[in-house]
Protein backbone atom coordinates (compact mmCIF):
# COMPACT_ATOMS: atom_id res chain seq x y z
CA MET A 1 87.02 108.30 124.78
CA ALA A 2 86.76 107.75 121.05
CA SER A 3 84.45 105.46 119.61
CA ARG A 4 85.17 102.16 118.20
CA THR A 5 84.28 103.33 115.27
CA ALA A 6 85.89 106.17 114.84
CA VAL A 7 89.80 104.75 116.01
CA THR A 8 89.07 102.12 113.16
CA GLU A 9 88.60 104.91 110.57
CA ASN A 10 91.41 106.51 111.90
CA ARG A 11 94.02 104.00 111.92
CA ARG A 12 92.53 103.25 108.27
CA LYS A 13 93.51 107.01 107.14
CA ALA A 14 96.92 106.55 108.67
CA HIS A 15 97.41 103.21 107.12
CA HIS A 16 96.58 104.58 103.57
CA ARG A 17 98.44 107.77 104.26
CA ALA A 18 101.50 105.60 104.90
CA ALA A 19 100.95 102.75 102.30
CA GLY A 20 104.14 103.26 100.12
CA ALA A 21 105.95 106.01 102.10
CA LYS A 22 109.38 103.43 102.44
CA ARG A 23 109.11 103.48 98.50
CA LYS A 24 108.32 106.63 97.48
CA ALA A 25 110.85 108.04 99.41
CA ALA A 26 113.54 105.53 97.83
CA ASN A 27 111.87 106.78 94.26
CA ARG A 28 112.18 111.05 95.48
CA ASN A 29 115.53 110.16 96.64
CA LYS A 30 117.69 107.44 93.98
CA GLY A 31 114.96 107.80 91.21
CA THR A 32 113.40 105.26 89.14
CA THR A 33 115.18 105.57 85.47
CA HIS A 34 117.55 102.77 85.26
CA LYS A 35 121.62 103.46 84.92
CA PHE A 36 122.12 103.29 80.78
CA ALA A 37 125.60 101.51 79.65
CA ILE A 38 127.14 104.66 78.74
CA HIS A 39 126.68 105.88 81.91
CA GLU A 40 127.70 102.90 83.68
CA THR A 41 132.01 102.56 82.92
CA PRO A 42 134.18 105.98 82.62
CA ALA A 43 135.28 107.57 79.87
CA PRO A 44 139.17 106.13 78.41
CA LYS A 45 141.87 108.00 79.55
CA ALA A 46 143.05 110.35 76.96
CA THR A 47 146.83 108.81 75.50
CA LYS A 48 149.67 110.33 74.77
CA SER A 49 150.64 110.11 71.01
CA LYS A 50 154.29 109.99 69.98
């Protein structure tokens, strides 16, 4: 059986390793740069002139 100190230290290590994991994964998948206004709406359709 592991000592209480070893258990505590391992818990702390695991907590530090996992800290921010959801936020970091979201940043990797989605990125952190906001959408610029120029990219939010599609370009207007070209119309045929007479």
